[in-house]
Structures are given as structure tokens and as C-alpha cells.
Amino acid sequence: MARKYPTTEDNLCTNAAEHGTHICSLIASGRADEARNRSRKARFACFNCGARADEEKSLCNPTPLAGEA
């Protein structure tokens, strides 16, 4: 079963203007390769959906991974 990622309507996106570039939106729109490229050396996780990314700007509600603060 495919994982359902939150959208701006059902989460607390801290940068809704850039939501289209967030990992969850990339995956939802079939751009999984681009999402993978943004999470090769993940240092942050999304507090909403658990996606991981190299940079905070690629997530709706970022939090540093353990040891990255």
C-alpha cells in the first residue's frame, strides 16, 4: 500500500509558499528521484511525515536528527 504523505491542508507546513519543493510533495507528484537526491546525507526529519532531508528547507516541519543539533 502506498504511503500517504500529508499535504498543506492537513499539516503544519512552516513554509507553505515552498511546499512544492518539499520531500512529501516531490514524492506525491511522482518525483521520487529528486526527493532521493535531497536526502542522500539526511540531517533533518519532518515532524509531520517522517521524511528525511539534507536541508531543512526540503521539509514542512523540520527537526534535526539525533546528533545533528
N, C-alpha and C. Protein backbone atom coordinates (compact mmCIF):
# COMPACT_ATOMS: atom_id res chain seq x y z
N MET A 1 0.85 -1.18 0.00
CA MET A 1 0.00 0.00 0.00
C MET A 1 0.89 1.25 0.00
N ALA A 2 0.56 2.21 -0.83
CA ALA A 2 1.35 3.43 -0.93
C ALA A 2 1.18 4.27 0.34
N ARG A 3 2.28 4.90 0.72
CA ARG A 3 2.25 5.76 1.89
C ARG A 3 1.58 7.08 1.54
N LYS A 4 0.68 7.54 2.38
CA LYS A 4 0.03 8.83 2.15
C LYS A 4 0.81 9.90 2.90
N TYR A 5 1.33 10.84 2.15
CA TYR A 5 2.05 11.96 2.76
C TYR A 5 1.08 13.10 3.02
N PRO A 6 1.27 13.83 4.12
CA PRO A 6 0.39 14.96 4.41
C PRO A 6 0.52 16.04 3.34
N THR A 7 -0.50 16.84 3.22
CA THR A 7 -0.47 17.99 2.32
C THR A 7 -0.58 19.25 3.16
N THR A 8 -0.48 20.41 2.53
CA THR A 8 -0.58 21.66 3.29
C THR A 8 -1.93 21.78 3.98
N GLU A 9 -2.96 21.10 3.48
CA GLU A 9 -4.27 21.19 4.10
C GLU A 9 -4.35 20.42 5.42
N ASP A 10 -3.50 19.39 5.60
CA ASP A 10 -3.64 18.59 6.81
C ASP A 10 -2.37 18.52 7.65
N ASN A 11 -1.48 19.49 7.50
CA ASN A 11 -0.31 19.52 8.37
C ASN A 11 0.08 20.95 8.69
N LEU A 12 1.13 21.09 9.43
CA LEU A 12 1.63 22.41 9.80
C LEU A 12 2.89 22.71 9.00
N CYS A 13 2.73 23.05 7.75
CA CYS A 13 3.87 23.37 6.89
C CYS A 13 4.38 24.75 7.30
N THR A 14 5.64 24.83 7.67
CA THR A 14 6.21 26.09 8.13
C THR A 14 6.59 27.02 6.99
N ASN A 15 6.56 26.51 5.75
CA ASN A 15 6.87 27.34 4.59
C ASN A 15 5.96 26.92 3.43
N ALA A 16 4.69 27.21 3.55
CA ALA A 16 3.70 26.77 2.57
C ALA A 16 3.99 27.31 1.16
N ALA A 17 4.63 28.47 1.05
CA ALA A 17 4.94 29.03 -0.27
C ALA A 17 5.90 28.14 -1.05
N GLU A 18 6.71 27.36 -0.35
CA GLU A 18 7.69 26.48 -0.99
C GLU A 18 7.30 25.01 -0.88
N HIS A 19 6.04 24.73 -0.56
CA HIS A 19 5.62 23.35 -0.31
C HIS A 19 5.88 22.43 -1.51
N GLY A 20 5.83 22.95 -2.69
CA GLY A 20 6.06 22.14 -3.88
C GLY A 20 7.46 21.57 -3.98
N THR A 21 8.40 22.13 -3.22
CA THR A 21 9.78 21.63 -3.23
C THR A 21 10.09 20.73 -2.03
N HIS A 22 9.11 20.49 -1.18
CA HIS A 22 9.31 19.63 -0.02
C HIS A 22 9.27 18.16 -0.43
N ILE A 23 9.96 17.32 0.32
CA ILE A 23 10.06 15.90 0.02
C ILE A 23 8.68 15.26 -0.17
N CYS A 24 7.74 15.57 0.70
CA CYS A 24 6.41 14.96 0.60
C CYS A 24 5.72 15.32 -0.71
N SER A 25 5.86 16.57 -1.15
CA SER A 25 5.25 16.98 -2.42
C SER A 25 5.96 16.35 -3.61
N LEU A 26 7.27 16.25 -3.54
CA LEU A 26 8.02 15.63 -4.63
C LEU A 26 7.58 14.18 -4.82
N ILE A 27 7.46 13.45 -3.73
CA ILE A 27 7.05 12.04 -3.81
C ILE A 27 5.60 11.94 -4.30
N ALA A 28 4.73 12.79 -3.77
CA ALA A 28 3.32 12.74 -4.17
C ALA A 28 3.13 13.06 -5.65
N SER A 29 4.04 13.85 -6.22
CA SER A 29 3.91 14.21 -7.63
C SER A 29 4.76 13.31 -8.54
N GLY A 30 5.26 12.20 -7.99
CA GLY A 30 5.99 11.24 -8.80
C GLY A 30 7.45 11.60 -9.07
N ARG A 31 8.00 12.51 -8.28
CA ARG A 31 9.38 12.94 -8.46
C ARG A 31 10.29 12.33 -7.39
N ALA A 32 10.19 11.02 -7.23
CA ALA A 32 10.93 10.31 -6.19
C ALA A 32 12.44 10.43 -6.36
N ASP A 33 12.93 10.46 -7.60
CA ASP A 33 14.37 10.60 -7.82
C ASP A 33 14.89 11.92 -7.26
N GLU A 34 14.14 12.98 -7.48
CA GLU A 34 14.53 14.29 -6.95
C GLU A 34 14.49 14.27 -5.42
N ALA A 35 13.47 13.61 -4.85
CA ALA A 35 13.38 13.50 -3.40
C ALA A 35 14.58 12.74 -2.84
N ARG A 36 14.97 11.65 -3.50
CA ARG A 36 16.15 10.89 -3.06
C ARG A 36 17.41 11.74 -3.11
N ASN A 37 17.54 12.55 -4.15
CA ASN A 37 18.71 13.42 -4.28
C ASN A 37 18.79 14.44 -3.16
N ARG A 38 17.67 14.79 -2.58
CA ARG A 38 17.64 15.76 -1.48
C ARG A 38 17.78 15.11 -0.11
N SER A 39 17.96 13.79 -0.09
CA SER A 39 18.05 13.11 1.21
C SER A 39 19.20 12.11 1.27
N ARG A 40 20.23 12.33 0.50
CA ARG A 40 21.38 11.42 0.47
C ARG A 40 22.18 11.45 1.78
N LYS A 41 22.31 12.62 2.38
CA LYS A 41 23.04 12.78 3.64
C LYS A 41 22.11 13.48 4.64
N ALA A 42 21.01 12.82 4.92
CA ALA A 42 19.96 13.42 5.74
C ALA A 42 20.45 13.86 7.11
N ARG A 43 20.12 15.11 7.44
CA ARG A 43 20.42 15.67 8.75
C ARG A 43 19.17 16.14 9.47
N PHE A 44 18.03 16.13 8.75
CA PHE A 44 16.76 16.60 9.31
C PHE A 44 15.64 15.62 8.99
N ALA A 45 14.63 15.60 9.85
CA ALA A 45 13.43 14.79 9.62
C ALA A 45 12.22 15.70 9.73
N CYS A 46 11.16 15.35 9.00
CA CYS A 46 9.93 16.12 9.08
C CYS A 46 9.12 15.62 10.28
N PHE A 47 8.73 16.52 11.13
CA PHE A 47 7.96 16.18 12.31
C PHE A 47 6.56 15.71 11.93
N ASN A 48 6.09 16.08 10.73
CA ASN A 48 4.75 15.68 10.27
C ASN A 48 4.74 14.27 9.71
N CYS A 49 5.61 14.00 8.73
CA CYS A 49 5.51 12.73 8.00
C CYS A 49 6.71 11.81 8.17
N GLY A 50 7.78 12.30 8.78
CA GLY A 50 8.95 11.47 9.00
C GLY A 50 9.94 11.43 7.85
N ALA A 51 9.66 12.15 6.75
CA ALA A 51 10.61 12.21 5.64
C ALA A 51 11.92 12.78 6.14
N ARG A 52 13.02 12.37 5.51
CA ARG A 52 14.34 12.86 5.90
C ARG A 52 14.96 13.63 4.74
N ALA A 53 15.75 14.66 5.08
CA ALA A 53 16.34 15.50 4.05
C ALA A 53 17.69 16.05 4.51
N ASP A 54 18.48 16.44 3.52
CA ASP A 54 19.78 17.05 3.80
C ASP A 54 19.63 18.44 4.40
N GLU A 55 18.62 19.19 3.93
CA GLU A 55 18.42 20.57 4.36
C GLU A 55 17.02 20.77 4.92
N GLU A 56 16.92 21.68 5.88
CA GLU A 56 15.63 21.99 6.50
C GLU A 56 14.60 22.45 5.47
N LYS A 57 15.04 23.20 4.47
CA LYS A 57 14.12 23.79 3.50
C LYS A 57 13.38 22.76 2.65
N SER A 58 13.80 21.51 2.71
CA SER A 58 13.15 20.45 1.93
C SER A 58 12.03 19.75 2.70
N LEU A 59 11.69 20.25 3.89
CA LEU A 59 10.69 19.61 4.74
C LEU A 59 9.66 20.62 5.22
N CYS A 60 8.46 20.15 5.51
CA CYS A 60 7.38 21.01 6.00
C CYS A 60 7.61 21.48 7.43
N ASN A 61 8.03 20.57 8.27
CA ASN A 61 8.15 20.85 9.70
C ASN A 61 9.43 20.18 10.20
N PRO A 62 10.60 20.74 9.84
CA PRO A 62 11.88 20.06 10.10
C PRO A 62 12.31 20.06 11.56
N THR A 63 12.99 18.99 11.91
CA THR A 63 13.63 18.86 13.21
C THR A 63 14.96 18.15 12.98
N PRO A 64 16.03 18.56 13.67
CA PRO A 64 17.33 17.90 13.46
C PRO A 64 17.28 16.44 13.90
N LEU A 65 17.97 15.59 13.17
CA LEU A 65 18.11 14.20 13.59
C LEU A 65 19.03 14.15 14.80
N ALA A 66 18.93 13.13 15.61
CA ALA A 66 19.76 12.98 16.80
C ALA A 66 21.23 13.14 16.43
N GLY A 67 21.95 13.93 17.19
CA GLY A 67 23.37 14.14 16.95
C GLY A 67 23.67 15.21 15.92
N GLU A 68 22.64 15.82 15.34
CA GLU A 68 22.84 16.85 14.32
C GLU A 68 22.53 18.25 14.82
N ALA A 69 22.07 18.38 16.05
CA ALA A 69 21.68 19.69 16.57
C ALA A 69 22.86 20.58 16.82
